[in-house]
ModelCIF file with pLDDT and N, C-alpha, C, O atoms, coordinates in Angstrom:
data_MODEL
#
_entry.id   MODEL 
#
_entity.id                         1 
_entity.type                       polymer 
_entity.pdbx_number_of_molecules   1 
#
_entity_poly.entity_id                      1 
_entity_poly.type                           'polypeptide(L)' 
_entity_poly.nstd_linkage                   no 
_entity_poly.nstd_monomer                   no 
_entity_poly.pdbx_seq_one_letter_code       PEKDKVLEEQVGELLKAGHIREVQFPTWLSNVVLVPKSTRKWRMCVD 
_entity_poly.pdbx_seq_one_letter_code_can   PEKDKVLEEQVGELLKAGHIREVQFPTWLSNVVLVPKSTRKWRMCVD 
_entity_poly.pdbx_strand_id                 A 
#
loop_
_entity_poly_seq.entity_id 
_entity_poly_seq.num 
_entity_poly_seq.mon_id 
_entity_poly_seq.hetero 
1 1  PRO n 
1 2  GLU n 
1 3  LYS n 
1 4  ASP n 
1 5  LYS n 
1 6  VAL n 
1 7  LEU n 
1 8  GLU n 
1 9  GLU n 
1 10 GLN n 
1 11 VAL n 
1 12 GLY n 
1 13 GLU n 
1 14 LEU n 
1 15 LEU n 
1 16 LYS n 
1 17 ALA n 
1 18 GLY n 
1 19 HIS n 
1 20 ILE n 
1 21 ARG n 
1 22 GLU n 
1 23 VAL n 
1 24 GLN n 
1 25 PHE n 
1 26 PRO n 
1 27 THR n 
1 28 TRP n 
1 29 LEU n 
1 30 SER n 
1 31 ASN n 
1 32 VAL n 
1 33 VAL n 
1 34 LEU n 
1 35 VAL n 
1 36 PRO n 
1 37 LYS n 
1 38 SER n 
1 39 THR n 
1 40 ARG n 
1 41 LYS n 
1 42 TRP n 
1 43 ARG n 
1 44 MET n 
1 45 CYS n 
1 46 VAL n 
1 47 ASP n 
#
_struct_asym.id          A 
_struct_asym.entity_id   1 
#
loop_
_ma_qa_metric.id 
_ma_qa_metric.mode 
_ma_qa_metric.name 
_ma_qa_metric.software_group_id 
_ma_qa_metric.type 
1 global pLDDT . pLDDT 
2 local  pLDDT . pLDDT 
#
_ma_qa_metric_global.metric_id      1 
_ma_qa_metric_global.metric_value   89.32 
_ma_qa_metric_global.model_id       1 
_ma_qa_metric_global.ordinal_id     1 
#
loop_
_ma_qa_metric_local.label_asym_id 
_ma_qa_metric_local.label_comp_id 
_ma_qa_metric_local.label_seq_id 
_ma_qa_metric_local.metric_id 
_ma_qa_metric_local.metric_value 
_ma_qa_metric_local.model_id 
_ma_qa_metric_local.ordinal_id 
A PRO 1  2 87.00 1 1  
A GLU 2  2 87.00 1 2  
A LYS 3  2 88.00 1 3  
A ASP 4  2 90.00 1 4  
A LYS 5  2 92.00 1 5  
A VAL 6  2 91.00 1 6  
A LEU 7  2 93.00 1 7  
A GLU 8  2 93.00 1 8  
A GLU 9  2 92.00 1 9  
A GLN 10 2 91.00 1 10 
A VAL 11 2 93.00 1 11 
A GLY 12 2 92.00 1 12 
A GLU 13 2 89.00 1 13 
A LEU 14 2 90.00 1 14 
A LEU 15 2 91.00 1 15 
A LYS 16 2 89.00 1 16 
A ALA 17 2 85.00 1 17 
A GLY 18 2 88.00 1 18 
A HIS 19 2 91.00 1 19 
A ILE 20 2 94.00 1 20 
A ARG 21 2 94.00 1 21 
A GLU 22 2 95.00 1 22 
A VAL 23 2 94.00 1 23 
A GLN 24 2 93.00 1 24 
A PHE 25 2 93.00 1 25 
A PRO 26 2 92.00 1 26 
A THR 27 2 92.00 1 27 
A TRP 28 2 95.00 1 28 
A LEU 29 2 95.00 1 29 
A SER 30 2 94.00 1 30 
A ASN 31 2 94.00 1 31 
A VAL 32 2 93.00 1 32 
A VAL 33 2 90.00 1 33 
A LEU 34 2 88.00 1 34 
A VAL 35 2 86.00 1 35 
A PRO 36 2 83.00 1 36 
A LYS 37 2 79.00 1 37 
A SER 38 2 73.00 1 38 
A THR 39 2 73.00 1 39 
A ARG 40 2 75.00 1 40 
A LYS 41 2 82.00 1 41 
A TRP 42 2 86.00 1 42 
A ARG 43 2 87.00 1 43 
A MET 44 2 90.00 1 44 
A CYS 45 2 90.00 1 45 
A VAL 46 2 93.00 1 46 
A ASP 47 2 93.00 1 47 
#
loop_
_atom_site.group_PDB 
_atom_site.id 
_atom_site.type_symbol 
_atom_site.label_atom_id 
_atom_site.label_alt_id 
_atom_site.label_comp_id 
_atom_site.label_asym_id 
_atom_site.label_entity_id 
_atom_site.label_seq_id 
_atom_site.pdbx_PDB_ins_code 
_atom_site.Cartn_x 
_atom_site.Cartn_y 
_atom_site.Cartn_z 
_atom_site.occupancy 
_atom_site.B_iso_or_equiv 
_atom_site.pdbx_formal_charge 
_atom_site.auth_seq_id 
_atom_site.auth_comp_id 
_atom_site.auth_asym_id 
_atom_site.auth_atom_id 
_atom_site.pdbx_PDB_model_num 
ATOM 1   N N  . PRO A 1 1  ? -12.598 4.294   -4.494 1.00 87.00 ? 1  PRO A N  1 
ATOM 2   C CA . PRO A 1 1  ? -11.840 5.082   -3.705 1.00 87.00 ? 1  PRO A CA 1 
ATOM 3   C C  . PRO A 1 1  ? -12.520 6.020   -2.620 1.00 87.00 ? 1  PRO A C  1 
ATOM 4   O O  . PRO A 1 1  ? -12.041 6.246   -1.508 1.00 87.00 ? 1  PRO A O  1 
ATOM 5   N N  . GLU A 1 2  ? -13.701 6.526   -3.109 1.00 87.00 ? 2  GLU A N  1 
ATOM 6   C CA . GLU A 1 2  ? -14.376 7.454   -2.205 1.00 87.00 ? 2  GLU A CA 1 
ATOM 7   C C  . GLU A 1 2  ? -14.964 6.657   -1.041 1.00 87.00 ? 2  GLU A C  1 
ATOM 8   O O  . GLU A 1 2  ? -14.903 7.181   0.071  1.00 87.00 ? 2  GLU A O  1 
ATOM 9   N N  . LYS A 1 3  ? -15.529 5.448   -1.166 1.00 88.00 ? 3  LYS A N  1 
ATOM 10  C CA . LYS A 1 3  ? -16.184 4.754   -0.017 1.00 88.00 ? 3  LYS A CA 1 
ATOM 11  C C  . LYS A 1 3  ? -14.975 4.151   0.744  1.00 88.00 ? 3  LYS A C  1 
ATOM 12  O O  . LYS A 1 3  ? -15.075 4.018   1.964  1.00 88.00 ? 3  LYS A O  1 
ATOM 13  N N  . ASP A 1 4  ? -13.776 3.755   0.068  1.00 90.00 ? 4  ASP A N  1 
ATOM 14  C CA . ASP A 1 4  ? -12.724 3.249   0.868  1.00 90.00 ? 4  ASP A CA 1 
ATOM 15  C C  . ASP A 1 4  ? -12.153 4.298   1.782  1.00 90.00 ? 4  ASP A C  1 
ATOM 16  O O  . ASP A 1 4  ? -11.575 3.952   2.812  1.00 90.00 ? 4  ASP A O  1 
ATOM 17  N N  . LYS A 1 5  ? -12.292 5.601   1.444  1.00 92.00 ? 5  LYS A N  1 
ATOM 18  C CA . LYS A 1 5  ? -11.844 6.531   2.408  1.00 92.00 ? 5  LYS A CA 1 
ATOM 19  C C  . LYS A 1 5  ? -12.722 6.655   3.607  1.00 92.00 ? 5  LYS A C  1 
ATOM 20  O O  . LYS A 1 5  ? -12.218 6.802   4.720  1.00 92.00 ? 5  LYS A O  1 
ATOM 21  N N  . VAL A 1 6  ? -14.112 6.598   3.417  1.00 91.00 ? 6  VAL A N  1 
ATOM 22  C CA . VAL A 1 6  ? -15.087 6.535   4.409  1.00 91.00 ? 6  VAL A CA 1 
ATOM 23  C C  . VAL A 1 6  ? -14.855 5.423   5.340  1.00 91.00 ? 6  VAL A C  1 
ATOM 24  O O  . VAL A 1 6  ? -14.907 5.601   6.557  1.00 91.00 ? 6  VAL A O  1 
ATOM 25  N N  . LEU A 1 7  ? -14.581 4.193   4.769  1.00 93.00 ? 7  LEU A N  1 
ATOM 26  C CA . LEU A 1 7  ? -14.304 3.001   5.647  1.00 93.00 ? 7  LEU A CA 1 
ATOM 27  C C  . LEU A 1 7  ? -13.034 3.201   6.450  1.00 93.00 ? 7  LEU A C  1 
ATOM 28  O O  . LEU A 1 7  ? -12.966 2.812   7.616  1.00 93.00 ? 7  LEU A O  1 
ATOM 29  N N  . GLU A 1 8  ? -11.995 3.823   5.816  1.00 93.00 ? 8  GLU A N  1 
ATOM 30  C CA . GLU A 1 8  ? -10.773 3.996   6.567  1.00 93.00 ? 8  GLU A CA 1 
ATOM 31  C C  . GLU A 1 8  ? -10.931 4.956   7.759  1.00 93.00 ? 8  GLU A C  1 
ATOM 32  O O  . GLU A 1 8  ? -10.310 4.735   8.799  1.00 93.00 ? 8  GLU A O  1 
ATOM 33  N N  . GLU A 1 9  ? -11.740 6.006   7.633  1.00 92.00 ? 9  GLU A N  1 
ATOM 34  C CA . GLU A 1 9  ? -12.076 6.887   8.748  1.00 92.00 ? 9  GLU A CA 1 
ATOM 35  C C  . GLU A 1 9  ? -12.824 6.176   9.844  1.00 92.00 ? 9  GLU A C  1 
ATOM 36  O O  . GLU A 1 9  ? -12.488 6.253   11.026 1.00 92.00 ? 9  GLU A O  1 
ATOM 37  N N  . GLN A 1 10 ? -13.896 5.450   9.387  1.00 91.00 ? 10 GLN A N  1 
ATOM 38  C CA . GLN A 1 10 ? -14.657 4.824   10.557 1.00 91.00 ? 10 GLN A CA 1 
ATOM 39  C C  . GLN A 1 10 ? -13.921 3.699   11.206 1.00 91.00 ? 10 GLN A C  1 
ATOM 40  O O  . GLN A 1 10 ? -14.111 3.457   12.398 1.00 91.00 ? 10 GLN A O  1 
ATOM 41  N N  . VAL A 1 11 ? -13.047 2.962   10.444 1.00 93.00 ? 11 VAL A N  1 
ATOM 42  C CA . VAL A 1 11 ? -12.230 1.965   11.088 1.00 93.00 ? 11 VAL A CA 1 
ATOM 43  C C  . VAL A 1 11 ? -11.295 2.629   12.013 1.00 93.00 ? 11 VAL A C  1 
ATOM 44  O O  . VAL A 1 11 ? -11.125 2.130   13.125 1.00 93.00 ? 11 VAL A O  1 
ATOM 45  N N  . GLY A 1 12 ? -10.685 3.677   11.680 1.00 92.00 ? 12 GLY A N  1 
ATOM 46  C CA . GLY A 1 12 ? -9.755  4.341   12.467 1.00 92.00 ? 12 GLY A CA 1 
ATOM 47  C C  . GLY A 1 12 ? -10.413 4.835   13.775 1.00 92.00 ? 12 GLY A C  1 
ATOM 48  O O  . GLY A 1 12 ? -9.813  4.716   14.843 1.00 92.00 ? 12 GLY A O  1 
ATOM 49  N N  . GLU A 1 13 ? -11.626 5.381   13.698 1.00 89.00 ? 13 GLU A N  1 
ATOM 50  C CA . GLU A 1 13 ? -12.394 5.743   14.915 1.00 89.00 ? 13 GLU A CA 1 
ATOM 51  C C  . GLU A 1 13 ? -12.561 4.614   15.921 1.00 89.00 ? 13 GLU A C  1 
ATOM 52  O O  . GLU A 1 13 ? -12.396 4.765   17.131 1.00 89.00 ? 13 GLU A O  1 
ATOM 53  N N  . LEU A 1 14 ? -12.917 3.417   15.305 1.00 90.00 ? 14 LEU A N  1 
ATOM 54  C CA . LEU A 1 14 ? -13.163 2.142   16.055 1.00 90.00 ? 14 LEU A CA 1 
ATOM 55  C C  . LEU A 1 14 ? -11.881 1.701   16.751 1.00 90.00 ? 14 LEU A C  1 
ATOM 56  O O  . LEU A 1 14 ? -11.905 1.290   17.911 1.00 90.00 ? 14 LEU A O  1 
ATOM 57  N N  . LEU A 1 15 ? -10.712 1.792   16.005 1.00 91.00 ? 15 LEU A N  1 
ATOM 58  C CA . LEU A 1 15 ? -9.444  1.449   16.512 1.00 91.00 ? 15 LEU A CA 1 
ATOM 59  C C  . LEU A 1 15 ? -9.093  2.273   17.754 1.00 91.00 ? 15 LEU A C  1 
ATOM 60  O O  . LEU A 1 15 ? -8.759  1.754   18.819 1.00 91.00 ? 15 LEU A O  1 
ATOM 61  N N  . LYS A 1 16 ? -9.195  3.648   17.537 1.00 89.00 ? 16 LYS A N  1 
ATOM 62  C CA . LYS A 1 16 ? -8.911  4.584   18.489 1.00 89.00 ? 16 LYS A CA 1 
ATOM 63  C C  . LYS A 1 16 ? -9.660  4.437   19.897 1.00 89.00 ? 16 LYS A C  1 
ATOM 64  O O  . LYS A 1 16 ? -9.160  4.623   21.007 1.00 89.00 ? 16 LYS A O  1 
ATOM 65  N N  . ALA A 1 17 ? -10.971 4.062   19.596 1.00 85.00 ? 17 ALA A N  1 
ATOM 66  C CA . ALA A 1 17 ? -11.794 3.893   20.849 1.00 85.00 ? 17 ALA A CA 1 
ATOM 67  C C  . ALA A 1 17 ? -11.594 2.445   21.476 1.00 85.00 ? 17 ALA A C  1 
ATOM 68  O O  . ALA A 1 17 ? -12.103 2.158   22.559 1.00 85.00 ? 17 ALA A O  1 
ATOM 69  N N  . GLY A 1 18 ? -10.850 1.573   20.762 1.00 88.00 ? 18 GLY A N  1 
ATOM 70  C CA . GLY A 1 18 ? -10.607 0.255   21.412 1.00 88.00 ? 18 GLY A CA 1 
ATOM 71  C C  . GLY A 1 18 ? -11.622 -0.768  21.113 1.00 88.00 ? 18 GLY A C  1 
ATOM 72  O O  . GLY A 1 18 ? -11.580 -1.847  21.703 1.00 88.00 ? 18 GLY A O  1 
ATOM 73  N N  . HIS A 1 19 ? -12.564 -0.499  20.207 1.00 91.00 ? 19 HIS A N  1 
ATOM 74  C CA . HIS A 1 19 ? -13.626 -1.446  19.964 1.00 91.00 ? 19 HIS A CA 1 
ATOM 75  C C  . HIS A 1 19 ? -13.312 -2.484  19.028 1.00 91.00 ? 19 HIS A C  1 
ATOM 76  O O  . HIS A 1 19 ? -14.019 -3.490  18.990 1.00 91.00 ? 19 HIS A O  1 
ATOM 77  N N  . ILE A 1 20 ? -12.256 -2.337  18.214 1.00 94.00 ? 20 ILE A N  1 
ATOM 78  C CA . ILE A 1 20 ? -11.759 -3.426  17.252 1.00 94.00 ? 20 ILE A CA 1 
ATOM 79  C C  . ILE A 1 20 ? -10.281 -3.567  17.401 1.00 94.00 ? 20 ILE A C  1 
ATOM 80  O O  . ILE A 1 20 ? -9.634  -2.716  18.011 1.00 94.00 ? 20 ILE A O  1 
ATOM 81  N N  . ARG A 1 21 ? -9.744  -4.592  16.875 1.00 94.00 ? 21 ARG A N  1 
ATOM 82  C CA . ARG A 1 21 ? -8.287  -4.823  16.824 1.00 94.00 ? 21 ARG A CA 1 
ATOM 83  C C  . ARG A 1 21 ? -7.955  -5.448  15.617 1.00 94.00 ? 21 ARG A C  1 
ATOM 84  O O  . ARG A 1 21 ? -8.855  -6.008  14.991 1.00 94.00 ? 21 ARG A O  1 
ATOM 85  N N  . GLU A 1 22 ? -6.716  -5.445  15.153 1.00 95.00 ? 22 GLU A N  1 
ATOM 86  C CA . GLU A 1 22 ? -6.233  -6.074  13.959 1.00 95.00 ? 22 GLU A CA 1 
ATOM 87  C C  . GLU A 1 22 ? -6.227  -7.682  14.352 1.00 95.00 ? 22 GLU A C  1 
ATOM 88  O O  . GLU A 1 22 ? -6.110  -8.094  15.507 1.00 95.00 ? 22 GLU A O  1 
ATOM 89  N N  . VAL A 1 23 ? -6.356  -8.411  13.322 1.00 94.00 ? 23 VAL A N  1 
ATOM 90  C CA . VAL A 1 23 ? -6.391  -9.901  13.556 1.00 94.00 ? 23 VAL A CA 1 
ATOM 91  C C  . VAL A 1 23 ? -5.829  -10.629 12.363 1.00 94.00 ? 23 VAL A C  1 
ATOM 92  O O  . VAL A 1 23 ? -5.980  -10.180 11.227 1.00 94.00 ? 23 VAL A O  1 
ATOM 93  N N  . GLN A 1 24 ? -5.164  -11.778 12.618 1.00 93.00 ? 24 GLN A N  1 
ATOM 94  C CA . GLN A 1 24 ? -4.493  -12.593 11.585 1.00 93.00 ? 24 GLN A CA 1 
ATOM 95  C C  . GLN A 1 24 ? -5.113  -13.973 11.680 1.00 93.00 ? 24 GLN A C  1 
ATOM 96  O O  . GLN A 1 24 ? -5.509  -14.450 12.743 1.00 93.00 ? 24 GLN A O  1 
ATOM 97  N N  . PHE A 1 25 ? -5.170  -14.556 10.564 1.00 93.00 ? 25 PHE A N  1 
ATOM 98  C CA . PHE A 1 25 ? -5.782  -15.918 10.341 1.00 93.00 ? 25 PHE A CA 1 
ATOM 99  C C  . PHE A 1 25 ? -7.173  -16.198 11.022 1.00 93.00 ? 25 PHE A C  1 
ATOM 100 O O  . PHE A 1 25 ? -7.365  -17.193 11.722 1.00 93.00 ? 25 PHE A O  1 
ATOM 101 N N  . PRO A 1 26 ? -8.103  -15.270 10.769 1.00 92.00 ? 26 PRO A N  1 
ATOM 102 C CA . PRO A 1 26 ? -9.480  -15.505 11.337 1.00 92.00 ? 26 PRO A CA 1 
ATOM 103 C C  . PRO A 1 26 ? -10.245 -16.757 10.752 1.00 92.00 ? 26 PRO A C  1 
ATOM 104 O O  . PRO A 1 26 ? -10.131 -17.089 9.572  1.00 92.00 ? 26 PRO A O  1 
ATOM 105 N N  . THR A 1 27 ? -10.932 -17.340 11.550 1.00 92.00 ? 27 THR A N  1 
ATOM 106 C CA . THR A 1 27 ? -11.612 -18.571 11.127 1.00 92.00 ? 27 THR A CA 1 
ATOM 107 C C  . THR A 1 27 ? -12.947 -18.100 10.291 1.00 92.00 ? 27 THR A C  1 
ATOM 108 O O  . THR A 1 27 ? -13.315 -18.758 9.318  1.00 92.00 ? 27 THR A O  1 
ATOM 109 N N  . TRP A 1 28 ? -13.591 -17.027 10.686 1.00 95.00 ? 28 TRP A N  1 
ATOM 110 C CA . TRP A 1 28 ? -14.706 -16.527 10.017 1.00 95.00 ? 28 TRP A CA 1 
ATOM 111 C C  . TRP A 1 28 ? -14.320 -15.081 9.477  1.00 95.00 ? 28 TRP A C  1 
ATOM 112 O O  . TRP A 1 28 ? -13.531 -14.365 10.095 1.00 95.00 ? 28 TRP A O  1 
ATOM 113 N N  . LEU A 1 29 ? -14.873 -14.731 8.389  1.00 95.00 ? 29 LEU A N  1 
ATOM 114 C CA . LEU A 1 29 ? -14.527 -13.412 7.820  1.00 95.00 ? 29 LEU A CA 1 
ATOM 115 C C  . LEU A 1 29 ? -15.676 -12.885 7.061  1.00 95.00 ? 29 LEU A C  1 
ATOM 116 O O  . LEU A 1 29 ? -16.161 -13.533 6.133  1.00 95.00 ? 29 LEU A O  1 
ATOM 117 N N  . SER A 1 30 ? -16.168 -11.631 7.452  1.00 94.00 ? 30 SER A N  1 
ATOM 118 C CA . SER A 1 30 ? -17.273 -11.046 6.868  1.00 94.00 ? 30 SER A CA 1 
ATOM 119 C C  . SER A 1 30 ? -16.920 -9.691  6.074  1.00 94.00 ? 30 SER A C  1 
ATOM 120 O O  . SER A 1 30 ? -15.886 -9.099  6.382  1.00 94.00 ? 30 SER A O  1 
ATOM 121 N N  . ASN A 1 31 ? -17.655 -9.246  5.179  1.00 94.00 ? 31 ASN A N  1 
ATOM 122 C CA . ASN A 1 31 ? -17.462 -8.032  4.529  1.00 94.00 ? 31 ASN A CA 1 
ATOM 123 C C  . ASN A 1 31 ? -18.222 -6.869  5.182  1.00 94.00 ? 31 ASN A C  1 
ATOM 124 O O  . ASN A 1 31 ? -19.202 -7.040  5.907  1.00 94.00 ? 31 ASN A O  1 
ATOM 125 N N  . VAL A 1 32 ? -17.716 -5.712  4.881  1.00 93.00 ? 32 VAL A N  1 
ATOM 126 C CA . VAL A 1 32 ? -18.417 -4.522  5.395  1.00 93.00 ? 32 VAL A CA 1 
ATOM 127 C C  . VAL A 1 32 ? -19.421 -4.137  4.426  1.00 93.00 ? 32 VAL A C  1 
ATOM 128 O O  . VAL A 1 32 ? -19.382 -4.556  3.269  1.00 93.00 ? 32 VAL A O  1 
ATOM 129 N N  . VAL A 1 33 ? -20.419 -3.265  4.901  1.00 90.00 ? 33 VAL A N  1 
ATOM 130 C CA . VAL A 1 33 ? -21.532 -2.726  4.030  1.00 90.00 ? 33 VAL A CA 1 
ATOM 131 C C  . VAL A 1 33 ? -21.598 -1.284  4.421  1.00 90.00 ? 33 VAL A C  1 
ATOM 132 O O  . VAL A 1 33 ? -21.478 -0.952  5.600  1.00 90.00 ? 33 VAL A O  1 
ATOM 133 N N  . LEU A 1 34 ? -21.778 -0.455  3.500  1.00 88.00 ? 34 LEU A N  1 
ATOM 134 C CA . LEU A 1 34 ? -21.934 1.011   3.772  1.00 88.00 ? 34 LEU A CA 1 
ATOM 135 C C  . LEU A 1 34 ? -23.425 1.239   3.466  1.00 88.00 ? 34 LEU A C  1 
ATOM 136 O O  . LEU A 1 34 ? -23.896 0.993   2.355  1.00 88.00 ? 34 LEU A O  1 
ATOM 137 N N  . VAL A 1 35 ? -24.213 1.760   4.580  1.00 86.00 ? 35 VAL A N  1 
ATOM 138 C CA . VAL A 1 35 ? -25.653 2.081   4.475  1.00 86.00 ? 35 VAL A CA 1 
ATOM 139 C C  . VAL A 1 35 ? -25.745 3.485   4.571  1.00 86.00 ? 35 VAL A C  1 
ATOM 140 O O  . VAL A 1 35 ? -25.103 4.107   5.417  1.00 86.00 ? 35 VAL A O  1 
ATOM 141 N N  . PRO A 1 36 ? -26.571 4.075   3.685  1.00 83.00 ? 36 PRO A N  1 
ATOM 142 C CA . PRO A 1 36 ? -26.797 5.469   3.771  1.00 83.00 ? 36 PRO A CA 1 
ATOM 143 C C  . PRO A 1 36 ? -27.692 5.868   4.942  1.00 83.00 ? 36 PRO A C  1 
ATOM 144 O O  . PRO A 1 36 ? -28.707 5.235   5.232  1.00 83.00 ? 36 PRO A O  1 
ATOM 145 N N  . LYS A 1 37 ? -27.282 6.914   5.581  1.00 79.00 ? 37 LYS A N  1 
ATOM 146 C CA . LYS A 1 37 ? -28.143 7.424   6.747  1.00 79.00 ? 37 LYS A CA 1 
ATOM 147 C C  . LYS A 1 37 ? -29.134 8.589   6.241  1.00 79.00 ? 37 LYS A C  1 
ATOM 148 O O  . LYS A 1 37 ? -29.024 9.143   5.148  1.00 79.00 ? 37 LYS A O  1 
ATOM 149 N N  . SER A 1 38 ? -30.078 8.861   7.168  1.00 73.00 ? 38 SER A N  1 
ATOM 150 C CA . SER A 1 38 ? -30.936 9.963   6.783  1.00 73.00 ? 38 SER A CA 1 
ATOM 151 C C  . SER A 1 38 ? -30.216 11.278  6.571  1.00 73.00 ? 38 SER A C  1 
ATOM 152 O O  . SER A 1 38 ? -30.718 12.155  5.869  1.00 73.00 ? 38 SER A O  1 
ATOM 153 N N  . THR A 1 39 ? -29.014 11.428  7.184  1.00 73.00 ? 39 THR A N  1 
ATOM 154 C CA . THR A 1 39 ? -28.293 12.757  7.052  1.00 73.00 ? 39 THR A CA 1 
ATOM 155 C C  . THR A 1 39 ? -27.481 12.675  5.762  1.00 73.00 ? 39 THR A C  1 
ATOM 156 O O  . THR A 1 39 ? -26.659 13.571  5.567  1.00 73.00 ? 39 THR A O  1 
ATOM 157 N N  . ARG A 1 40 ? -27.617 11.690  4.848  1.00 75.00 ? 40 ARG A N  1 
ATOM 158 C CA . ARG A 1 40 ? -26.893 11.560  3.646  1.00 75.00 ? 40 ARG A CA 1 
ATOM 159 C C  . ARG A 1 40 ? -25.374 11.178  3.863  1.00 75.00 ? 40 ARG A C  1 
ATOM 160 O O  . ARG A 1 40 ? -24.558 11.313  2.952  1.00 75.00 ? 40 ARG A O  1 
ATOM 161 N N  . LYS A 1 41 ? -25.039 10.704  5.087  1.00 82.00 ? 41 LYS A N  1 
ATOM 162 C CA . LYS A 1 41 ? -23.695 10.182  5.309  1.00 82.00 ? 41 LYS A CA 1 
ATOM 163 C C  . LYS A 1 41 ? -23.815 8.769   5.351  1.00 82.00 ? 41 LYS A C  1 
ATOM 164 O O  . LYS A 1 41 ? -24.905 8.219   5.194  1.00 82.00 ? 41 LYS A O  1 
ATOM 165 N N  . TRP A 1 42 ? -22.666 8.094   5.572  1.00 86.00 ? 42 TRP A N  1 
ATOM 166 C CA . TRP A 1 42 ? -22.636 6.599   5.507  1.00 86.00 ? 42 TRP A CA 1 
ATOM 167 C C  . TRP A 1 42 ? -22.401 5.979   6.808  1.00 86.00 ? 42 TRP A C  1 
ATOM 168 O O  . TRP A 1 42 ? -21.656 6.538   7.613  1.00 86.00 ? 42 TRP A O  1 
ATOM 169 N N  . ARG A 1 43 ? -23.017 4.788   7.105  1.00 87.00 ? 43 ARG A N  1 
ATOM 170 C CA . ARG A 1 43 ? -22.661 4.116   8.310  1.00 87.00 ? 43 ARG A CA 1 
ATOM 171 C C  . ARG A 1 43 ? -22.207 2.710   7.881  1.00 87.00 ? 43 ARG A C  1 
ATOM 172 O O  . ARG A 1 43 ? -22.846 1.961   7.141  1.00 87.00 ? 43 ARG A O  1 
ATOM 173 N N  . MET A 1 44 ? -21.052 2.464   8.431  1.00 90.00 ? 44 MET A N  1 
ATOM 174 C CA . MET A 1 44 ? -20.358 1.179   8.161  1.00 90.00 ? 44 MET A CA 1 
ATOM 175 C C  . MET A 1 44 ? -20.994 0.066   9.091  1.00 90.00 ? 44 MET A C  1 
ATOM 176 O O  . MET A 1 44 ? -21.012 0.156   10.318 1.00 90.00 ? 44 MET A O  1 
ATOM 177 N N  . CYS A 1 45 ? -21.526 -1.017  8.352  1.00 90.00 ? 45 CYS A N  1 
ATOM 178 C CA . CYS A 1 45 ? -21.982 -2.201  9.070  1.00 90.00 ? 45 CYS A CA 1 
ATOM 179 C C  . CYS A 1 45 ? -21.246 -3.448  8.457  1.00 90.00 ? 45 CYS A C  1 
ATOM 180 O O  . CYS A 1 45 ? -20.587 -3.411  7.417  1.00 90.00 ? 45 CYS A O  1 
ATOM 181 N N  . VAL A 1 46 ? -21.444 -4.537  9.228  1.00 93.00 ? 46 VAL A N  1 
ATOM 182 C CA . VAL A 1 46 ? -20.781 -5.794  8.797  1.00 93.00 ? 46 VAL A CA 1 
ATOM 183 C C  . VAL A 1 46 ? -21.845 -6.907  8.369  1.00 93.00 ? 46 VAL A C  1 
ATOM 184 O O  . VAL A 1 46 ? -22.879 -7.101  9.009  1.00 93.00 ? 46 VAL A O  1 
ATOM 185 N N  . ASP A 1 47 ? -21.519 -7.557  7.321  1.00 93.00 ? 47 ASP A N  1 
ATOM 186 C CA . ASP A 1 47 ? -22.444 -8.501  6.849  1.00 93.00 ? 47 ASP A CA 1 
ATOM 187 C C  . ASP A 1 47 ? -22.323 -9.850  7.552  1.00 93.00 ? 47 ASP A C  1 
ATOM 188 O O  . ASP A 1 47 ? -23.072 -10.777 7.242  1.00 93.00 ? 47 ASP A O  1 
#
């Protein structure tokens, strides 16, 4: 639940900025990865 909340916030920021969009029936699908930053916060990356 804690990391899901972080992912939800970062996905929301990307949606608001128009950098991502929702998609259905994708041909390729990757998982997200949370990487700790030097500031002890999390950065969302994609595998």
